[in-house]
Amino acid sequence: MRALGLIVCAILAVALSTHQATPFGRFQGTVQTEWLDDGRRMRLLQDFRFLEPDSTEWIAPRDSSIDGASIPQVFWSFIGGPFEGLYRNASVVHDVACVVKTRPWRRVHRMFYLASRTGGVGALDAKVMFGTVFLFGPRWPTPPGGSGHGGGAARFVIAQDTLQPRLSTDQDFLRMREYIRRNPEISLVSIEALTRDRLLRAVPEVPRIFRGLLEEPSNR
C-alpha cells in the first residue's frame, strides 16, 4: 500500500508539473499525439495550452496536426528537431499559431520565446531560438483588427512590416548565433532589428559550425 501511494504521488507530481507558473508563463495540459498516415505529421489527442504572464492564452486544440514546419530549417540543422528538446512544448503551440494565423506573426514569435523559457530553455539559447523564428521564420499579413502589440510581458516595438524573412542562409544563422553569444544581454527588440549587413560588420568571419545549444553562463 505504501509503495502504491508513492507511485500515485509521483504520477500526480508529473501531472501538476505542466501547470507550475514561471516568470514567463505556464503550460496547461500534456502534449499527447499520434502519428498520421503520412508519417510526417502528428495529431494532438487533447487540448494543450500556454498562458503568458499577462494571462494571454494560446491554445493548440485537440485534432490539430503538427509537423514542426513553423521552425525554420536552419533551426533543425544547427540546434535540433522541433520536438526533441526543452522547447518541444513551445514548438507545439508555435506550430498551431503559425497555421491558424489569427494573431500577428511578430506576436506569435514572441510567444515562442516566452514558451521556450517556460519549458526550461536558458536565456541565451532562448534568444537564439527567438532570433531564428523571428528573422528566418514564417510571416503573414496582420489579421484584421490585429497589431504587433501584445500587451503586458509581450509588448514590443513595431517595425516596418515585411513578409519576407530578413535572413535565410546557414551563414546568416551562424553569424546571428555568434552575435548573440558575444552580446548575452541583448534585448529581444535588438534581436528583431538585426540585419545581414549588421551581422556581417560585427562577425565578418563565418563562425565554426556545431549542432546544439550554446553553453549557458553559470550565473544565468
N, C-alpha and C. Protein backbone atom coordinates (compact mmCIF):
# COMPACT_ATOMS: atom_id res chain seq x y z
N MET A 1 0.83 -1.20 0.00
CA MET A 1 0.00 0.00 0.00
C MET A 1 0.88 1.26 0.00
N ARG A 2 1.95 1.21 0.81
CA ARG A 2 2.86 2.36 0.85
C ARG A 2 3.49 2.59 -0.51
N ALA A 3 3.89 1.49 -1.17
CA ALA A 3 4.51 1.61 -2.50
C ALA A 3 3.52 2.20 -3.49
N LEU A 4 2.23 1.76 -3.41
CA LEU A 4 1.22 2.30 -4.30
C LEU A 4 1.03 3.79 -4.08
N GLY A 5 1.05 4.21 -2.81
CA GLY A 5 0.90 5.63 -2.51
C GLY A 5 2.03 6.44 -3.08
N LEU A 6 3.26 5.92 -3.04
CA LEU A 6 4.40 6.63 -3.60
C LEU A 6 4.26 6.76 -5.11
N ILE A 7 3.75 5.72 -5.76
CA ILE A 7 3.57 5.76 -7.20
C ILE A 7 2.52 6.81 -7.57
N VAL A 8 1.41 6.83 -6.82
CA VAL A 8 0.37 7.81 -7.09
C VAL A 8 0.89 9.22 -6.92
N CYS A 9 1.68 9.46 -5.86
CA CYS A 9 2.25 10.78 -5.63
C CYS A 9 3.18 11.18 -6.77
N ALA A 10 3.97 10.22 -7.26
CA ALA A 10 4.88 10.52 -8.36
C ALA A 10 4.13 10.89 -9.61
N ILE A 11 3.03 10.15 -9.91
CA ILE A 11 2.23 10.45 -11.09
C ILE A 11 1.59 11.82 -10.95
N LEU A 12 1.09 12.13 -9.76
CA LEU A 12 0.45 13.42 -9.53
C LEU A 12 1.45 14.56 -9.72
N ALA A 13 2.69 14.36 -9.24
CA ALA A 13 3.71 15.40 -9.38
C ALA A 13 4.01 15.68 -10.84
N VAL A 14 4.07 14.61 -11.65
CA VAL A 14 4.31 14.80 -13.08
C VAL A 14 3.16 15.55 -13.73
N ALA A 15 1.92 15.19 -13.35
CA ALA A 15 0.74 15.83 -13.93
C ALA A 15 0.69 17.30 -13.57
N LEU A 16 1.05 17.64 -12.35
CA LEU A 16 0.98 19.02 -11.91
C LEU A 16 2.11 19.88 -12.49
N SER A 17 3.19 19.22 -12.90
CA SER A 17 4.36 19.98 -13.35
C SER A 17 4.03 20.86 -14.56
N THR A 18 3.04 20.44 -15.37
CA THR A 18 2.70 21.24 -16.55
C THR A 18 1.92 22.49 -16.17
N HIS A 19 1.48 22.61 -14.92
CA HIS A 19 0.67 23.74 -14.50
C HIS A 19 1.46 24.74 -13.67
N GLN A 20 2.71 24.43 -13.33
CA GLN A 20 3.50 25.30 -12.48
C GLN A 20 3.82 26.60 -13.21
N ALA A 21 3.57 27.70 -12.55
CA ALA A 21 3.82 29.00 -13.15
C ALA A 21 5.30 29.35 -13.07
N THR A 22 5.79 30.07 -14.08
CA THR A 22 7.14 30.60 -14.10
C THR A 22 7.02 32.10 -14.38
N PRO A 23 8.11 32.86 -14.27
CA PRO A 23 8.04 34.29 -14.62
C PRO A 23 7.67 34.53 -16.09
N PHE A 24 7.74 33.48 -16.91
CA PHE A 24 7.50 33.63 -18.35
C PHE A 24 6.13 33.08 -18.77
N GLY A 25 5.45 32.38 -17.89
CA GLY A 25 4.16 31.81 -18.22
C GLY A 25 4.05 30.39 -17.67
N ARG A 26 3.04 29.69 -18.15
CA ARG A 26 2.86 28.30 -17.72
C ARG A 26 2.12 27.51 -18.79
N PHE A 27 2.39 26.21 -18.83
CA PHE A 27 1.68 25.31 -19.72
C PHE A 27 0.52 24.68 -18.98
N GLN A 28 -0.48 24.30 -19.74
CA GLN A 28 -1.64 23.66 -19.15
C GLN A 28 -1.98 22.44 -20.00
N GLY A 29 -1.91 21.29 -19.37
CA GLY A 29 -2.16 20.05 -20.09
C GLY A 29 -0.87 19.33 -20.41
N THR A 30 -0.98 18.23 -21.12
CA THR A 30 0.16 17.42 -21.54
C THR A 30 0.07 17.17 -23.03
N VAL A 31 1.18 17.28 -23.72
CA VAL A 31 1.18 17.03 -25.16
C VAL A 31 1.06 15.53 -25.40
N GLN A 32 -0.04 15.13 -25.99
CA GLN A 32 -0.26 13.73 -26.38
C GLN A 32 -0.59 13.70 -27.86
N THR A 33 0.12 12.86 -28.60
CA THR A 33 -0.03 12.85 -30.06
C THR A 33 -0.09 11.44 -30.61
N GLU A 34 -0.51 11.34 -31.86
CA GLU A 34 -0.39 10.09 -32.61
C GLU A 34 0.06 10.44 -34.02
N TRP A 35 0.84 9.55 -34.62
CA TRP A 35 1.31 9.80 -35.98
C TRP A 35 0.18 9.65 -36.98
N LEU A 36 0.16 10.53 -37.98
CA LEU A 36 -0.78 10.40 -39.07
C LEU A 36 -0.20 9.48 -40.15
N ASP A 37 -1.03 9.09 -41.08
CA ASP A 37 -0.61 8.09 -42.07
C ASP A 37 0.52 8.56 -42.97
N ASP A 38 0.68 9.89 -43.12
CA ASP A 38 1.74 10.37 -44.00
C ASP A 38 3.13 10.20 -43.38
N GLY A 39 3.19 9.80 -42.11
CA GLY A 39 4.47 9.56 -41.46
C GLY A 39 5.26 10.80 -41.13
N ARG A 40 4.66 11.98 -41.37
CA ARG A 40 5.37 13.24 -41.15
C ARG A 40 4.68 14.10 -40.09
N ARG A 41 3.35 14.09 -40.12
CA ARG A 41 2.59 14.92 -39.19
C ARG A 41 2.07 14.10 -38.02
N MET A 42 1.81 14.80 -36.92
CA MET A 42 1.20 14.19 -35.75
C MET A 42 -0.10 14.92 -35.44
N ARG A 43 -1.03 14.21 -34.81
CA ARG A 43 -2.30 14.79 -34.41
C ARG A 43 -2.37 14.88 -32.89
N LEU A 44 -2.79 16.04 -32.39
CA LEU A 44 -2.94 16.20 -30.95
C LEU A 44 -4.18 15.45 -30.48
N LEU A 45 -4.03 14.71 -29.40
CA LEU A 45 -5.13 13.91 -28.87
C LEU A 45 -5.93 14.66 -27.81
N GLN A 46 -5.41 15.79 -27.33
CA GLN A 46 -6.16 16.61 -26.39
C GLN A 46 -5.64 18.04 -26.47
N ASP A 47 -6.43 18.97 -25.95
CA ASP A 47 -6.03 20.38 -25.96
C ASP A 47 -4.75 20.57 -25.16
N PHE A 48 -3.93 21.50 -25.62
CA PHE A 48 -2.72 21.89 -24.89
C PHE A 48 -2.64 23.40 -24.94
N ARG A 49 -2.32 24.03 -23.81
CA ARG A 49 -2.34 25.49 -23.71
C ARG A 49 -1.04 26.04 -23.16
N PHE A 50 -0.76 27.27 -23.58
CA PHE A 50 0.30 28.07 -22.96
C PHE A 50 -0.31 29.40 -22.54
N LEU A 51 -0.09 29.78 -21.30
CA LEU A 51 -0.60 31.04 -20.78
C LEU A 51 0.56 31.96 -20.44
N GLU A 52 0.57 33.16 -21.03
CA GLU A 52 1.61 34.14 -20.76
C GLU A 52 1.39 34.77 -19.38
N PRO A 53 2.38 35.49 -18.86
CA PRO A 53 2.22 36.12 -17.54
C PRO A 53 1.03 37.07 -17.45
N ASP A 54 0.65 37.69 -18.59
CA ASP A 54 -0.49 38.60 -18.57
C ASP A 54 -1.81 37.87 -18.86
N SER A 55 -1.77 36.53 -18.78
CA SER A 55 -2.93 35.65 -18.96
C SER A 55 -3.37 35.49 -20.41
N THR A 56 -2.61 36.02 -21.37
CA THR A 56 -2.90 35.74 -22.77
C THR A 56 -2.79 34.24 -23.00
N GLU A 57 -3.78 33.66 -23.62
CA GLU A 57 -3.86 32.21 -23.79
C GLU A 57 -3.61 31.80 -25.23
N TRP A 58 -2.80 30.79 -25.39
CA TRP A 58 -2.51 30.20 -26.70
C TRP A 58 -2.96 28.74 -26.63
N ILE A 59 -3.85 28.36 -27.53
CA ILE A 59 -4.41 27.02 -27.49
C ILE A 59 -3.98 26.22 -28.71
N ALA A 60 -3.49 25.01 -28.46
CA ALA A 60 -3.28 24.03 -29.52
C ALA A 60 -4.40 23.00 -29.35
N PRO A 61 -5.49 23.13 -30.11
CA PRO A 61 -6.68 22.31 -29.86
C PRO A 61 -6.48 20.84 -30.24
N ARG A 62 -7.26 20.03 -29.59
CA ARG A 62 -7.32 18.61 -29.96
C ARG A 62 -7.61 18.48 -31.45
N ASP A 63 -6.99 17.51 -32.09
CA ASP A 63 -7.11 17.21 -33.52
C ASP A 63 -6.28 18.12 -34.41
N SER A 64 -5.56 19.10 -33.82
CA SER A 64 -4.63 19.89 -34.63
C SER A 64 -3.51 18.99 -35.13
N SER A 65 -3.04 19.23 -36.34
CA SER A 65 -1.89 18.49 -36.86
C SER A 65 -0.65 19.36 -36.76
N ILE A 66 0.45 18.77 -36.33
CA ILE A 66 1.71 19.48 -36.15
C ILE A 66 2.83 18.70 -36.84
N ASP A 67 3.81 19.44 -37.36
CA ASP A 67 4.94 18.79 -38.01
C ASP A 67 6.25 19.54 -37.83
N GLY A 68 6.21 20.62 -37.03
CA GLY A 68 7.44 21.39 -36.82
C GLY A 68 7.79 22.32 -37.95
N ALA A 69 6.89 22.46 -38.95
CA ALA A 69 7.22 23.27 -40.12
C ALA A 69 7.36 24.75 -39.79
N SER A 70 6.82 25.19 -38.66
CA SER A 70 6.94 26.61 -38.30
C SER A 70 8.35 26.96 -37.84
N ILE A 71 9.15 25.94 -37.56
CA ILE A 71 10.53 26.14 -37.12
C ILE A 71 11.43 26.11 -38.35
N PRO A 72 12.16 27.18 -38.66
CA PRO A 72 12.98 27.23 -39.88
C PRO A 72 13.99 26.08 -39.96
N GLN A 73 14.33 25.71 -41.18
CA GLN A 73 15.23 24.57 -41.40
C GLN A 73 16.59 24.77 -40.75
N VAL A 74 17.07 26.02 -40.70
CA VAL A 74 18.38 26.23 -40.06
C VAL A 74 18.33 25.85 -38.58
N PHE A 75 17.18 25.99 -37.95
CA PHE A 75 17.00 25.58 -36.55
C PHE A 75 17.22 24.07 -36.45
N TRP A 76 16.58 23.31 -37.35
CA TRP A 76 16.73 21.85 -37.35
C TRP A 76 18.20 21.47 -37.56
N SER A 77 18.86 22.20 -38.46
CA SER A 77 20.23 21.83 -38.83
C SER A 77 21.25 22.12 -37.73
N PHE A 78 21.07 23.25 -37.03
CA PHE A 78 22.11 23.70 -36.11
C PHE A 78 21.72 23.65 -34.63
N ILE A 79 20.44 23.48 -34.33
CA ILE A 79 20.01 23.40 -32.92
C ILE A 79 19.44 22.03 -32.62
N GLY A 80 18.50 21.58 -33.44
CA GLY A 80 17.90 20.27 -33.23
C GLY A 80 16.48 20.26 -33.76
N GLY A 81 15.87 19.08 -33.81
CA GLY A 81 14.49 18.95 -34.26
C GLY A 81 13.55 19.69 -33.33
N PRO A 82 12.39 20.12 -33.84
CA PRO A 82 11.49 20.95 -33.06
C PRO A 82 10.85 20.27 -31.87
N PHE A 83 10.86 18.93 -31.83
CA PHE A 83 10.17 18.24 -30.75
C PHE A 83 11.11 17.38 -29.90
N GLU A 84 12.40 17.75 -29.86
CA GLU A 84 13.34 16.89 -29.15
C GLU A 84 14.04 17.54 -27.96
N GLY A 85 13.73 18.77 -27.64
CA GLY A 85 14.42 19.45 -26.53
C GLY A 85 13.45 20.06 -25.54
N LEU A 86 13.99 20.90 -24.65
CA LEU A 86 13.16 21.57 -23.66
C LEU A 86 12.17 22.54 -24.30
N TYR A 87 12.36 22.83 -25.57
CA TYR A 87 11.50 23.76 -26.29
C TYR A 87 10.37 23.04 -27.02
N ARG A 88 10.20 21.74 -26.83
CA ARG A 88 9.22 20.99 -27.60
C ARG A 88 7.79 21.45 -27.34
N ASN A 89 7.45 21.77 -26.08
CA ASN A 89 6.10 22.27 -25.81
C ASN A 89 5.86 23.61 -26.51
N ALA A 90 6.90 24.47 -26.50
CA ALA A 90 6.80 25.75 -27.20
C ALA A 90 6.59 25.53 -28.69
N SER A 91 7.23 24.51 -29.26
CA SER A 91 7.10 24.24 -30.69
C SER A 91 5.68 23.83 -31.05
N VAL A 92 5.00 23.14 -30.14
CA VAL A 92 3.64 22.69 -30.42
C VAL A 92 2.70 23.89 -30.57
N VAL A 93 2.70 24.80 -29.58
CA VAL A 93 1.79 25.95 -29.67
C VAL A 93 2.22 26.91 -30.78
N HIS A 94 3.51 27.01 -31.03
CA HIS A 94 4.00 27.86 -32.13
C HIS A 94 3.56 27.30 -33.47
N ASP A 95 3.65 25.99 -33.64
CA ASP A 95 3.23 25.35 -34.88
C ASP A 95 1.77 25.67 -35.19
N VAL A 96 0.92 25.49 -34.20
CA VAL A 96 -0.51 25.71 -34.41
C VAL A 96 -0.78 27.19 -34.70
N ALA A 97 -0.14 28.08 -33.96
CA ALA A 97 -0.36 29.52 -34.16
C ALA A 97 0.07 29.95 -35.56
N CYS A 98 1.12 29.33 -36.09
CA CYS A 98 1.59 29.68 -37.43
C CYS A 98 0.69 29.11 -38.52
N VAL A 99 -0.11 28.12 -38.19
CA VAL A 99 -1.06 27.56 -39.15
C VAL A 99 -2.35 28.37 -39.17
N VAL A 100 -2.89 28.68 -38.00
CA VAL A 100 -4.19 29.37 -37.96
C VAL A 100 -4.06 30.87 -38.29
N LYS A 101 -2.89 31.45 -37.96
CA LYS A 101 -2.59 32.85 -38.33
C LYS A 101 -3.66 33.85 -37.86
N THR A 102 -4.19 33.65 -36.68
CA THR A 102 -5.19 34.57 -36.14
C THR A 102 -4.56 35.71 -35.35
N ARG A 103 -3.25 35.64 -35.14
CA ARG A 103 -2.53 36.71 -34.45
C ARG A 103 -1.33 37.12 -35.29
N PRO A 104 -0.84 38.34 -35.13
CA PRO A 104 0.29 38.82 -35.93
C PRO A 104 1.52 37.92 -35.75
N TRP A 105 2.29 37.79 -36.84
CA TRP A 105 3.44 36.90 -36.79
C TRP A 105 4.46 37.33 -35.75
N ARG A 106 4.64 38.64 -35.56
CA ARG A 106 5.57 39.10 -34.53
C ARG A 106 5.14 38.62 -33.15
N ARG A 107 3.85 38.69 -32.92
CA ARG A 107 3.28 38.28 -31.64
C ARG A 107 3.50 36.79 -31.40
N VAL A 108 3.31 36.01 -32.45
CA VAL A 108 3.47 34.56 -32.36
C VAL A 108 4.92 34.19 -32.03
N HIS A 109 5.87 34.86 -32.68
CA HIS A 109 7.27 34.52 -32.43
C HIS A 109 7.72 34.98 -31.05
N ARG A 110 7.15 36.09 -30.55
CA ARG A 110 7.43 36.50 -29.17
C ARG A 110 6.93 35.44 -28.18
N MET A 111 5.77 34.90 -28.47
CA MET A 111 5.23 33.84 -27.63
C MET A 111 6.18 32.65 -27.57
N PHE A 112 6.81 32.33 -28.70
CA PHE A 112 7.73 31.19 -28.73
C PHE A 112 8.88 31.39 -27.75
N TYR A 113 9.37 32.63 -27.65
CA TYR A 113 10.43 32.92 -26.68
C TYR A 113 9.94 32.65 -25.26
N LEU A 114 8.78 33.20 -24.91
CA LEU A 114 8.25 33.03 -23.56
C LEU A 114 7.99 31.55 -23.25
N ALA A 115 7.43 30.83 -24.23
CA ALA A 115 7.13 29.42 -24.01
C ALA A 115 8.42 28.59 -23.88
N SER A 116 9.45 28.95 -24.64
CA SER A 116 10.73 28.25 -24.53
C SER A 116 11.33 28.44 -23.14
N ARG A 117 11.29 29.67 -22.64
CA ARG A 117 11.80 29.95 -21.29
C ARG A 117 10.97 29.21 -20.25
N THR A 118 9.67 29.14 -20.46
CA THR A 118 8.80 28.41 -19.53
C THR A 118 9.17 26.93 -19.51
N GLY A 119 9.56 26.40 -20.66
CA GLY A 119 9.94 24.99 -20.75
C GLY A 119 11.29 24.67 -20.15
N GLY A 120 12.06 25.69 -19.79
CA GLY A 120 13.35 25.45 -19.15
C GLY A 120 14.56 25.79 -20.00
N VAL A 121 14.36 26.36 -21.18
CA VAL A 121 15.48 26.77 -22.02
C VAL A 121 16.16 27.99 -21.39
N GLY A 122 17.48 28.00 -21.36
CA GLY A 122 18.22 29.11 -20.78
C GLY A 122 18.06 30.40 -21.57
N ALA A 123 18.41 31.51 -20.94
CA ALA A 123 18.19 32.83 -21.55
C ALA A 123 18.90 32.98 -22.88
N LEU A 124 20.16 32.57 -22.94
CA LEU A 124 20.95 32.77 -24.16
C LEU A 124 20.40 31.93 -25.31
N ASP A 125 20.15 30.67 -25.05
CA ASP A 125 19.63 29.80 -26.11
C ASP A 125 18.24 30.22 -26.54
N ALA A 126 17.42 30.66 -25.60
CA ALA A 126 16.07 31.12 -25.97
C ALA A 126 16.14 32.33 -26.89
N LYS A 127 17.14 33.19 -26.69
CA LYS A 127 17.30 34.35 -27.57
C LYS A 127 17.73 33.90 -28.97
N VAL A 128 18.60 32.90 -29.04
CA VAL A 128 18.99 32.38 -30.35
C VAL A 128 17.77 31.77 -31.06
N MET A 129 16.98 31.01 -30.30
CA MET A 129 15.79 30.40 -30.89
C MET A 129 14.80 31.46 -31.34
N PHE A 130 14.63 32.49 -30.53
CA PHE A 130 13.74 33.58 -30.92
C PHE A 130 14.23 34.25 -32.18
N GLY A 131 15.54 34.54 -32.25
CA GLY A 131 16.10 35.15 -33.45
C GLY A 131 15.87 34.30 -34.68
N THR A 132 15.93 32.98 -34.49
CA THR A 132 15.75 32.07 -35.62
C THR A 132 14.32 32.13 -36.16
N VAL A 133 13.32 32.07 -35.28
CA VAL A 133 11.94 32.10 -35.78
C VAL A 133 11.56 33.50 -36.26
N PHE A 134 12.08 34.55 -35.58
CA PHE A 134 11.70 35.91 -35.96
C PHE A 134 12.35 36.34 -37.26
N LEU A 135 13.63 36.04 -37.44
CA LEU A 135 14.36 36.54 -38.61
C LEU A 135 14.35 35.59 -39.80
N PHE A 136 14.12 34.30 -39.54
CA PHE A 136 14.12 33.30 -40.61
C PHE A 136 12.73 32.69 -40.84
N GLY A 137 11.83 32.85 -39.89
CA GLY A 137 10.60 32.07 -39.87
C GLY A 137 9.44 32.64 -40.66
N PRO A 138 8.30 31.97 -40.57
CA PRO A 138 7.12 32.36 -41.36
C PRO A 138 6.54 33.70 -40.95
N ARG A 139 5.97 34.40 -41.93
CA ARG A 139 5.31 35.69 -41.71
C ARG A 139 4.02 35.70 -42.52
N TRP A 140 3.09 36.53 -42.11
CA TRP A 140 1.82 36.62 -42.81
C TRP A 140 1.22 37.99 -42.57
N PRO A 141 0.29 38.41 -43.41
CA PRO A 141 -0.34 39.73 -43.22
C PRO A 141 -1.01 39.82 -41.85
N THR A 142 -0.98 41.01 -41.26
CA THR A 142 -1.62 41.21 -39.97
C THR A 142 -3.11 40.97 -40.08
N PRO A 143 -3.68 40.12 -39.21
CA PRO A 143 -5.13 39.85 -39.29
C PRO A 143 -5.94 41.14 -39.10
N PRO A 144 -7.14 41.20 -39.66
CA PRO A 144 -7.99 42.39 -39.48
C PRO A 144 -8.17 42.73 -38.01
N GLY A 145 -7.93 44.00 -37.67
CA GLY A 145 -8.07 44.41 -36.28
C GLY A 145 -6.89 44.06 -35.42
N GLY A 146 -5.88 43.39 -35.99
CA GLY A 146 -4.72 42.99 -35.19
C GLY A 146 -3.64 44.03 -35.23
N SER A 147 -2.66 43.88 -34.38
CA SER A 147 -1.50 44.77 -34.36
C SER A 147 -0.32 43.97 -33.85
N GLY A 148 0.85 44.55 -33.94
CA GLY A 148 2.03 43.86 -33.45
C GLY A 148 2.16 43.86 -31.96
N HIS A 149 1.37 44.69 -31.27
CA HIS A 149 1.50 44.79 -29.83
C HIS A 149 0.67 43.73 -29.14
N GLY A 150 1.32 43.05 -28.19
CA GLY A 150 0.61 42.02 -27.46
C GLY A 150 0.18 42.47 -26.09
N GLY A 151 0.79 43.52 -25.56
CA GLY A 151 0.46 43.98 -24.22
C GLY A 151 1.22 43.19 -23.17
N GLY A 152 1.28 43.72 -21.98
CA GLY A 152 1.92 43.03 -20.86
C GLY A 152 3.34 42.65 -21.16
N ALA A 153 3.70 41.39 -20.80
CA ALA A 153 5.07 40.94 -20.93
C ALA A 153 5.52 40.81 -22.38
N ALA A 154 4.58 40.79 -23.33
CA ALA A 154 4.95 40.56 -24.72
C ALA A 154 4.94 41.83 -25.55
N ARG A 155 4.90 43.02 -24.92
CA ARG A 155 4.86 44.27 -25.67
C ARG A 155 6.19 44.48 -26.41
N PHE A 156 6.13 44.97 -27.64
CA PHE A 156 7.36 45.25 -28.37
C PHE A 156 7.10 46.30 -29.44
N VAL A 157 8.18 46.83 -29.97
CA VAL A 157 8.07 47.91 -30.96
C VAL A 157 7.77 47.34 -32.34
N ILE A 158 6.84 47.97 -33.06
CA ILE A 158 6.51 47.52 -34.41
C ILE A 158 7.44 48.21 -35.40
N ALA A 159 8.14 47.44 -36.18
CA ALA A 159 8.99 48.00 -37.23
C ALA A 159 8.20 47.99 -38.54
N GLN A 160 8.78 48.52 -39.60
CA GLN A 160 8.13 48.49 -40.90
C GLN A 160 7.84 47.04 -41.30
N ASP A 161 6.62 46.75 -41.62
CA ASP A 161 6.23 45.37 -41.89
C ASP A 161 6.82 44.88 -43.20
N THR A 162 7.23 43.64 -43.20
CA THR A 162 7.66 42.96 -44.40
C THR A 162 7.36 41.49 -44.22
N LEU A 163 6.90 40.85 -45.26
CA LEU A 163 6.56 39.44 -45.18
C LEU A 163 7.69 38.55 -45.67
N GLN A 164 8.81 39.16 -46.04
CA GLN A 164 9.98 38.40 -46.49
C GLN A 164 10.95 38.27 -45.33
N PRO A 165 11.25 37.03 -44.89
CA PRO A 165 12.21 36.88 -43.79
C PRO A 165 13.51 37.62 -44.08
N ARG A 166 14.06 38.25 -43.06
CA ARG A 166 15.24 39.11 -43.23
C ARG A 166 16.50 38.31 -43.48
N LEU A 167 16.58 37.12 -42.89
CA LEU A 167 17.75 36.26 -43.04
C LEU A 167 17.32 34.91 -43.61
N SER A 168 18.25 34.20 -44.25
CA SER A 168 17.84 32.95 -44.90
C SER A 168 18.92 31.88 -44.98
N THR A 169 20.20 32.24 -44.91
CA THR A 169 21.26 31.27 -45.17
C THR A 169 21.85 30.69 -43.90
N ASP A 170 22.59 29.59 -44.06
CA ASP A 170 23.29 29.00 -42.92
C ASP A 170 24.29 29.99 -42.33
N GLN A 171 24.98 30.74 -43.20
CA GLN A 171 25.95 31.72 -42.72
C GLN A 171 25.26 32.81 -41.90
N ASP A 172 24.06 33.21 -42.33
CA ASP A 172 23.29 34.18 -41.55
C ASP A 172 23.05 33.65 -40.14
N PHE A 173 22.63 32.39 -40.05
CA PHE A 173 22.34 31.82 -38.73
C PHE A 173 23.59 31.77 -37.87
N LEU A 174 24.70 31.29 -38.44
CA LEU A 174 25.93 31.16 -37.66
C LEU A 174 26.41 32.51 -37.14
N ARG A 175 26.28 33.54 -37.97
CA ARG A 175 26.66 34.89 -37.53
C ARG A 175 25.70 35.40 -36.45
N MET A 176 24.41 35.13 -36.64
CA MET A 176 23.44 35.58 -35.65
C MET A 176 23.69 34.91 -34.30
N ARG A 177 23.91 33.61 -34.31
CA ARG A 177 24.17 32.89 -33.06
C ARG A 177 25.41 33.42 -32.38
N GLU A 178 26.46 33.66 -33.15
CA GLU A 178 27.70 34.18 -32.58
C GLU A 178 27.51 35.59 -32.04
N TYR A 179 26.74 36.40 -32.75
CA TYR A 179 26.49 37.77 -32.29
C TYR A 179 25.76 37.76 -30.95
N ILE A 180 24.77 36.91 -30.82
CA ILE A 180 24.04 36.82 -29.55
C ILE A 180 24.94 36.25 -28.46
N ARG A 181 25.79 35.28 -28.81
CA ARG A 181 26.72 34.73 -27.81
C ARG A 181 27.65 35.81 -27.26
N ARG A 182 28.10 36.71 -28.15
CA ARG A 182 29.00 37.78 -27.71
C ARG A 182 28.26 38.89 -26.96
N ASN A 183 26.96 38.95 -27.14
CA ASN A 183 26.16 40.01 -26.50
C ASN A 183 25.01 39.38 -25.72
N PRO A 184 25.32 38.67 -24.64
CA PRO A 184 24.29 37.89 -23.92
C PRO A 184 23.17 38.74 -23.33
N GLU A 185 23.41 40.04 -23.12
CA GLU A 185 22.38 40.90 -22.54
C GLU A 185 21.48 41.54 -23.61
N ILE A 186 21.66 41.15 -24.85
CA ILE A 186 20.89 41.74 -25.93
C ILE A 186 19.39 41.56 -25.67
N SER A 187 18.61 42.58 -26.00
CA SER A 187 17.17 42.53 -25.80
C SER A 187 16.50 41.89 -27.01
N LEU A 188 15.25 41.47 -26.84
CA LEU A 188 14.51 40.91 -27.96
C LEU A 188 14.27 41.96 -29.04
N VAL A 189 14.05 43.20 -28.63
CA VAL A 189 13.86 44.28 -29.60
C VAL A 189 15.10 44.43 -30.47
N SER A 190 16.29 44.34 -29.86
CA SER A 190 17.54 44.47 -30.62
C SER A 190 17.73 43.27 -31.55
N ILE A 191 17.31 42.09 -31.12
CA ILE A 191 17.39 40.92 -32.00
C ILE A 191 16.48 41.11 -33.20
N GLU A 192 15.29 41.65 -32.98
CA GLU A 192 14.36 41.89 -34.07
C GLU A 192 14.94 42.84 -35.11
N ALA A 193 15.82 43.73 -34.70
CA ALA A 193 16.37 44.74 -35.60
C ALA A 193 17.61 44.27 -36.35
N LEU A 194 18.09 43.06 -36.09
CA LEU A 194 19.30 42.58 -36.75
C LEU A 194 19.09 42.44 -38.25
N THR A 195 20.11 42.79 -39.00
CA THR A 195 20.09 42.65 -40.45
C THR A 195 21.35 41.92 -40.90
N ARG A 196 21.34 41.45 -42.13
CA ARG A 196 22.53 40.78 -42.66
C ARG A 196 23.74 41.70 -42.67
N ASP A 197 23.56 42.95 -43.08
CA ASP A 197 24.67 43.89 -43.11
C ASP A 197 25.26 44.11 -41.72
N ARG A 198 24.40 44.26 -40.75
CA ARG A 198 24.90 44.47 -39.39
C ARG A 198 25.67 43.25 -38.88
N LEU A 199 25.17 42.07 -39.17
CA LEU A 199 25.86 40.86 -38.74
C LEU A 199 27.20 40.70 -39.46
N LEU A 200 27.24 41.05 -40.73
CA LEU A 200 28.49 40.96 -41.48
C LEU A 200 29.56 41.90 -40.91
N ARG A 201 29.13 43.09 -40.51
CA ARG A 201 30.08 44.03 -39.92
C ARG A 201 30.56 43.55 -38.55
N ALA A 202 29.67 42.99 -37.78
CA ALA A 202 30.02 42.57 -36.42
C ALA A 202 30.75 41.23 -36.39
N VAL A 203 30.40 40.34 -37.32
CA VAL A 203 31.01 39.00 -37.35
C VAL A 203 31.44 38.72 -38.79
N PRO A 204 32.56 39.30 -39.23
CA PRO A 204 32.97 39.16 -40.63
C PRO A 204 33.32 37.74 -41.04
N GLU A 205 33.93 36.99 -40.12
CA GLU A 205 34.29 35.61 -40.43
C GLU A 205 33.15 34.68 -40.03
N VAL A 206 32.85 33.70 -40.89
CA VAL A 206 31.79 32.75 -40.58
C VAL A 206 32.22 31.91 -39.38
N PRO A 207 31.46 31.90 -38.30
CA PRO A 207 31.84 31.12 -37.11
C PRO A 207 31.86 29.63 -37.39
N ARG A 208 32.48 28.90 -36.49
CA ARG A 208 32.57 27.45 -36.65
C ARG A 208 31.17 26.83 -36.60
N ILE A 209 31.04 25.72 -37.27
CA ILE A 209 29.76 25.02 -37.32
C ILE A 209 29.69 24.00 -36.20
N PHE A 210 28.60 24.02 -35.45
CA PHE A 210 28.33 22.96 -34.49
C PHE A 210 26.82 22.86 -34.32
N ARG A 211 26.37 21.68 -33.98
CA ARG A 211 24.94 21.46 -33.78
C ARG A 211 24.65 21.34 -32.30
N GLY A 212 23.68 22.08 -31.82
CA GLY A 212 23.32 22.01 -30.42
C GLY A 212 23.15 23.39 -29.82
N LEU A 213 23.01 23.40 -28.50
CA LEU A 213 22.78 24.64 -27.79
C LEU A 213 24.08 25.28 -27.37
N LEU A 214 24.02 26.57 -27.07
CA LEU A 214 25.18 27.27 -26.54
C LEU A 214 25.38 26.89 -25.08
N GLU A 215 26.58 27.07 -24.61
CA GLU A 215 26.85 26.84 -23.19
C GLU A 215 26.39 28.07 -22.42
N GLU A 216 25.40 27.86 -21.57
CA GLU A 216 24.85 28.98 -20.81
C GLU A 216 25.82 29.41 -19.71
N PRO A 217 26.03 30.73 -19.53
CA PRO A 217 26.85 31.20 -18.42
C PRO A 217 26.31 30.65 -17.10
N SER A 218 27.19 30.29 -16.20
CA SER A 218 26.79 29.63 -14.95
C SER A 218 25.94 30.49 -14.07
N ASN A 219 25.98 31.81 -14.23
CA ASN A 219 25.23 32.69 -13.36
C ASN A 219 23.89 33.11 -13.94
N ARG A 220 23.47 32.46 -15.05
CA ARG A 220 22.19 32.86 -15.68
C ARG A 220 21.15 31.79 -15.45
